[in-house]
N, C-alpha and C. Protein backbone atom coordinates (compact mmCIF):
# COMPACT_ATOMS: atom_id res chain seq x y z
N MET A 1 0.83 -1.19 0.00
CA MET A 1 0.00 0.00 0.00
C MET A 1 0.88 1.26 0.00
N ARG A 2 1.94 1.26 0.83
CA ARG A 2 2.83 2.41 0.90
C ARG A 2 3.52 2.64 -0.45
N ALA A 3 3.94 1.55 -1.10
CA ALA A 3 4.59 1.69 -2.40
C ALA A 3 3.65 2.32 -3.42
N ARG A 4 2.38 1.95 -3.38
CA ARG A 4 1.40 2.53 -4.32
C ARG A 4 1.22 4.01 -4.05
N THR A 5 1.16 4.39 -2.78
CA THR A 5 1.02 5.80 -2.42
C THR A 5 2.22 6.59 -2.91
N LEU A 6 3.42 6.03 -2.75
CA LEU A 6 4.63 6.71 -3.22
C LEU A 6 4.63 6.84 -4.74
N ARG A 7 4.16 5.80 -5.44
CA ARG A 7 4.08 5.88 -6.90
C ARG A 7 3.10 6.96 -7.34
N LEU A 8 1.95 7.05 -6.64
CA LEU A 8 0.97 8.09 -6.98
C LEU A 8 1.54 9.49 -6.72
N ALA A 9 2.26 9.63 -5.62
CA ALA A 9 2.88 10.93 -5.31
C ALA A 9 3.91 11.29 -6.37
N ALA A 10 4.71 10.31 -6.79
CA ALA A 10 5.70 10.57 -7.84
C ALA A 10 5.02 10.94 -9.15
N LEU A 11 3.92 10.28 -9.46
CA LEU A 11 3.17 10.61 -10.67
C LEU A 11 2.63 12.03 -10.61
N ALA A 12 2.11 12.43 -9.45
CA ALA A 12 1.57 13.78 -9.30
C ALA A 12 2.66 14.82 -9.47
N VAL A 13 3.82 14.58 -8.89
CA VAL A 13 4.94 15.53 -9.03
C VAL A 13 5.37 15.61 -10.48
N THR A 14 5.49 14.46 -11.12
CA THR A 14 5.88 14.45 -12.53
C THR A 14 4.87 15.19 -13.39
N ALA A 15 3.60 14.98 -13.14
CA ALA A 15 2.55 15.67 -13.91
C ALA A 15 2.61 17.17 -13.67
N ALA A 16 2.86 17.58 -12.43
CA ALA A 16 2.94 19.01 -12.13
C ALA A 16 4.13 19.65 -12.84
N LEU A 17 5.26 18.96 -12.84
CA LEU A 17 6.44 19.49 -13.54
C LEU A 17 6.19 19.57 -15.04
N ALA A 18 5.61 18.52 -15.58
CA ALA A 18 5.33 18.51 -17.01
C ALA A 18 4.30 19.57 -17.37
N ALA A 19 3.35 19.81 -16.49
CA ALA A 19 2.31 20.81 -16.75
C ALA A 19 2.93 22.19 -16.86
N GLY A 20 3.95 22.46 -16.06
CA GLY A 20 4.62 23.74 -16.14
C GLY A 20 5.27 23.95 -17.50
N CYS A 21 5.67 22.85 -18.13
CA CYS A 21 6.31 22.91 -19.45
C CYS A 21 5.28 22.83 -20.57
N GLY A 22 4.08 22.40 -20.24
CA GLY A 22 3.05 22.27 -21.27
C GLY A 22 3.31 21.14 -22.24
N SER A 23 3.98 20.05 -21.78
CA SER A 23 4.37 19.02 -22.72
C SER A 23 3.67 17.69 -22.56
N THR A 24 2.81 17.53 -21.58
CA THR A 24 2.15 16.25 -21.37
C THR A 24 0.66 16.39 -21.65
N PRO A 25 0.14 15.80 -22.73
CA PRO A 25 -1.27 15.95 -23.06
C PRO A 25 -2.21 15.51 -21.95
N ALA A 26 -1.84 14.52 -21.15
CA ALA A 26 -2.73 14.05 -20.08
C ALA A 26 -2.91 15.10 -19.00
N ALA A 27 -1.91 15.94 -18.79
CA ALA A 27 -1.98 16.93 -17.72
C ALA A 27 -2.26 18.33 -18.25
N THR A 28 -2.05 18.54 -19.53
CA THR A 28 -2.20 19.88 -20.07
C THR A 28 -3.08 19.86 -21.30
N GLY A 29 -3.49 21.03 -21.73
CA GLY A 29 -4.22 21.12 -22.99
C GLY A 29 -3.30 20.71 -24.12
N SER A 30 -3.74 19.88 -25.02
CA SER A 30 -2.87 19.32 -26.04
C SER A 30 -2.35 20.38 -27.01
N ASP A 31 -3.03 21.51 -27.12
CA ASP A 31 -2.59 22.53 -28.06
C ASP A 31 -1.96 23.73 -27.37
N GLY A 32 -1.74 23.69 -26.06
CA GLY A 32 -1.12 24.78 -25.35
C GLY A 32 -2.04 25.96 -25.10
N VAL A 33 -3.32 25.78 -25.25
CA VAL A 33 -4.29 26.85 -25.03
C VAL A 33 -4.60 26.96 -23.55
N CYS A 34 -4.61 28.17 -23.03
CA CYS A 34 -4.93 28.37 -21.62
C CYS A 34 -6.34 27.86 -21.32
N LEU A 35 -6.48 27.18 -20.19
CA LEU A 35 -7.76 26.59 -19.81
C LEU A 35 -8.45 27.37 -18.70
N ILE A 36 -7.71 28.22 -18.00
CA ILE A 36 -8.29 29.04 -16.94
C ILE A 36 -8.55 30.43 -17.52
N ALA A 37 -9.76 30.93 -17.35
CA ALA A 37 -10.13 32.23 -17.92
C ALA A 37 -9.21 33.33 -17.40
N SER A 38 -8.88 34.26 -18.26
CA SER A 38 -8.05 35.40 -17.87
C SER A 38 -8.70 36.12 -16.69
N GLY A 39 -7.93 36.34 -15.66
CA GLY A 39 -8.46 36.99 -14.47
C GLY A 39 -9.15 36.03 -13.52
N GLY A 40 -9.21 34.76 -13.89
CA GLY A 40 -9.84 33.75 -13.03
C GLY A 40 -9.04 33.52 -11.76
N ASP A 41 -9.69 32.99 -10.75
CA ASP A 41 -9.04 32.71 -9.47
C ASP A 41 -9.65 31.42 -8.89
N PRO A 42 -9.46 30.27 -9.58
CA PRO A 42 -10.10 29.04 -9.12
C PRO A 42 -9.42 28.45 -7.89
N ASP A 43 -10.15 27.62 -7.16
CA ASP A 43 -9.56 26.88 -6.05
C ASP A 43 -8.59 25.83 -6.57
N SER A 44 -8.92 25.25 -7.72
CA SER A 44 -8.06 24.23 -8.32
C SER A 44 -8.42 24.10 -9.79
N ALA A 45 -7.60 23.33 -10.50
CA ALA A 45 -7.86 23.04 -11.91
C ALA A 45 -7.52 21.58 -12.16
N GLY A 46 -8.26 20.96 -13.05
CA GLY A 46 -7.99 19.58 -13.40
C GLY A 46 -6.88 19.43 -14.41
N ARG A 47 -6.61 20.50 -15.15
CA ARG A 47 -5.54 20.51 -16.15
C ARG A 47 -4.95 21.91 -16.24
N LEU A 48 -3.72 21.97 -16.70
CA LEU A 48 -3.07 23.25 -16.97
C LEU A 48 -2.73 23.26 -18.45
N GLY A 49 -3.22 24.27 -19.15
CA GLY A 49 -3.03 24.28 -20.59
C GLY A 49 -1.88 25.14 -21.07
N CYS A 50 -1.42 26.06 -20.24
CA CYS A 50 -0.35 26.96 -20.67
C CYS A 50 0.40 27.47 -19.46
N ARG A 51 1.48 28.17 -19.71
CA ARG A 51 2.29 28.70 -18.62
C ARG A 51 1.49 29.69 -17.76
N ALA A 52 0.60 30.45 -18.35
CA ALA A 52 -0.21 31.40 -17.57
C ALA A 52 -1.11 30.66 -16.57
N ASP A 53 -1.65 29.50 -16.95
CA ASP A 53 -2.43 28.69 -16.02
C ASP A 53 -1.56 28.28 -14.83
N TYR A 54 -0.35 27.81 -15.13
CA TYR A 54 0.59 27.42 -14.08
C TYR A 54 0.89 28.60 -13.16
N GLN A 55 1.23 29.73 -13.75
CA GLN A 55 1.60 30.91 -12.95
C GLN A 55 0.44 31.42 -12.10
N LEU A 56 -0.78 31.25 -12.57
CA LEU A 56 -1.94 31.68 -11.81
C LEU A 56 -2.10 30.86 -10.53
N LEU A 57 -1.77 29.57 -10.59
CA LEU A 57 -1.93 28.69 -9.44
C LEU A 57 -0.66 28.51 -8.61
N ALA A 58 0.49 28.86 -9.15
CA ALA A 58 1.78 28.63 -8.49
C ALA A 58 2.04 29.64 -7.38
N SER A 59 2.88 29.21 -6.45
CA SER A 59 3.33 30.10 -5.38
C SER A 59 4.79 29.82 -5.09
N VAL A 60 5.41 30.73 -4.36
CA VAL A 60 6.78 30.49 -3.91
C VAL A 60 6.71 29.52 -2.73
N PRO A 61 7.72 28.67 -2.56
CA PRO A 61 7.69 27.73 -1.45
C PRO A 61 7.80 28.44 -0.10
N LEU A 62 7.31 27.78 0.95
CA LEU A 62 7.42 28.35 2.30
C LEU A 62 8.88 28.51 2.69
N ASP A 63 9.74 27.59 2.24
CA ASP A 63 11.18 27.68 2.47
C ASP A 63 11.80 28.27 1.22
N ALA A 64 12.28 29.46 1.30
CA ALA A 64 12.79 30.17 0.12
C ALA A 64 14.27 29.90 -0.11
N SER A 65 14.75 28.69 0.15
CA SER A 65 16.16 28.36 -0.05
C SER A 65 16.52 28.24 -1.53
N LEU A 66 15.52 28.13 -2.40
CA LEU A 66 15.75 28.10 -3.84
C LEU A 66 15.17 29.38 -4.45
N PRO A 67 15.99 30.41 -4.60
CA PRO A 67 15.48 31.69 -5.12
C PRO A 67 14.83 31.53 -6.50
N GLY A 68 13.67 32.12 -6.65
CA GLY A 68 12.96 32.09 -7.92
C GLY A 68 12.14 30.83 -8.17
N ALA A 69 12.20 29.87 -7.26
CA ALA A 69 11.44 28.62 -7.45
C ALA A 69 9.95 28.86 -7.21
N THR A 70 9.13 28.21 -8.00
CA THR A 70 7.68 28.21 -7.79
C THR A 70 7.20 26.77 -7.93
N SER A 71 6.03 26.51 -7.39
CA SER A 71 5.44 25.18 -7.54
C SER A 71 3.94 25.28 -7.42
N VAL A 72 3.28 24.26 -7.92
CA VAL A 72 1.84 24.12 -7.78
C VAL A 72 1.61 22.83 -7.00
N LYS A 73 0.90 22.93 -5.91
CA LYS A 73 0.58 21.74 -5.13
C LYS A 73 -0.45 20.91 -5.89
N THR A 74 -0.33 19.60 -5.74
CA THR A 74 -1.24 18.70 -6.43
C THR A 74 -1.99 17.83 -5.42
N ILE A 75 -3.14 17.37 -5.84
CA ILE A 75 -3.95 16.46 -5.03
C ILE A 75 -4.32 15.28 -5.93
N VAL A 76 -4.13 14.07 -5.43
CA VAL A 76 -4.61 12.88 -6.10
C VAL A 76 -5.80 12.39 -5.29
N ASP A 77 -6.98 12.52 -5.85
CA ASP A 77 -8.22 12.14 -5.18
C ASP A 77 -8.44 10.64 -5.33
N ARG A 78 -7.98 9.89 -4.36
CA ARG A 78 -8.05 8.43 -4.43
C ARG A 78 -9.48 7.93 -4.35
N ALA A 79 -10.37 8.70 -3.77
CA ALA A 79 -11.78 8.29 -3.68
C ALA A 79 -12.52 8.53 -4.99
N ASN A 80 -11.90 9.27 -5.91
CA ASN A 80 -12.55 9.61 -7.18
C ASN A 80 -11.67 9.16 -8.35
N ASP A 81 -11.34 7.86 -8.37
CA ASP A 81 -10.59 7.25 -9.47
C ASP A 81 -9.24 7.93 -9.70
N ASN A 82 -8.57 8.33 -8.61
CA ASN A 82 -7.24 8.95 -8.66
C ASN A 82 -7.19 10.21 -9.53
N THR A 83 -8.25 10.99 -9.48
CA THR A 83 -8.31 12.23 -10.24
C THR A 83 -7.24 13.19 -9.74
N LEU A 84 -6.55 13.83 -10.66
CA LEU A 84 -5.48 14.76 -10.34
C LEU A 84 -6.01 16.19 -10.36
N TYR A 85 -5.70 16.95 -9.32
CA TYR A 85 -6.07 18.36 -9.25
C TYR A 85 -4.81 19.19 -9.01
N PHE A 86 -4.75 20.35 -9.65
CA PHE A 86 -3.69 21.32 -9.41
C PHE A 86 -4.30 22.40 -8.52
N GLN A 87 -3.79 22.52 -7.32
CA GLN A 87 -4.37 23.38 -6.29
C GLN A 87 -3.89 24.82 -6.42
N ASN A 88 -4.76 25.77 -6.09
CA ASN A 88 -4.37 27.18 -6.04
C ASN A 88 -3.43 27.33 -4.85
N SER A 89 -2.15 27.30 -5.12
CA SER A 89 -1.14 27.26 -4.06
C SER A 89 -0.92 28.59 -3.37
N LYS A 90 -1.43 29.67 -3.96
CA LYS A 90 -1.39 30.96 -3.27
C LYS A 90 -2.46 31.00 -2.19
N ARG A 91 -3.62 30.50 -2.50
CA ARG A 91 -4.74 30.50 -1.55
C ARG A 91 -4.55 29.45 -0.47
N TYR A 92 -4.06 28.29 -0.86
CA TYR A 92 -3.88 27.18 0.09
C TYR A 92 -2.39 26.88 0.20
N CYS A 93 -1.69 27.68 0.98
CA CYS A 93 -0.23 27.55 1.05
C CYS A 93 0.21 26.31 1.81
N ILE A 94 -0.64 25.77 2.64
CA ILE A 94 -0.34 24.55 3.37
C ILE A 94 -1.46 23.57 3.11
N HIS A 95 -1.10 22.33 2.80
CA HIS A 95 -2.15 21.32 2.60
C HIS A 95 -1.85 20.06 3.37
């Protein structure tokens, strides 16, 4: 069970990193089109389609030991067929 949880966590991190690059069709819009409306402020998103989507949800880490680093927290909803969500990390800085 622990190994499966670790694999899911690794998958979520990989998807989040790939989403920032806009290169994984499963995690991002396949054509690089933004999926969050301009000026939107969602609690989370199921996919990130462009860098602006990522930047809208990203925040600086609580530990600023890596200058300029940003990240988007992810949630794997195990009760809902392992659905992946990208969390608004500015609004929910701790999860």
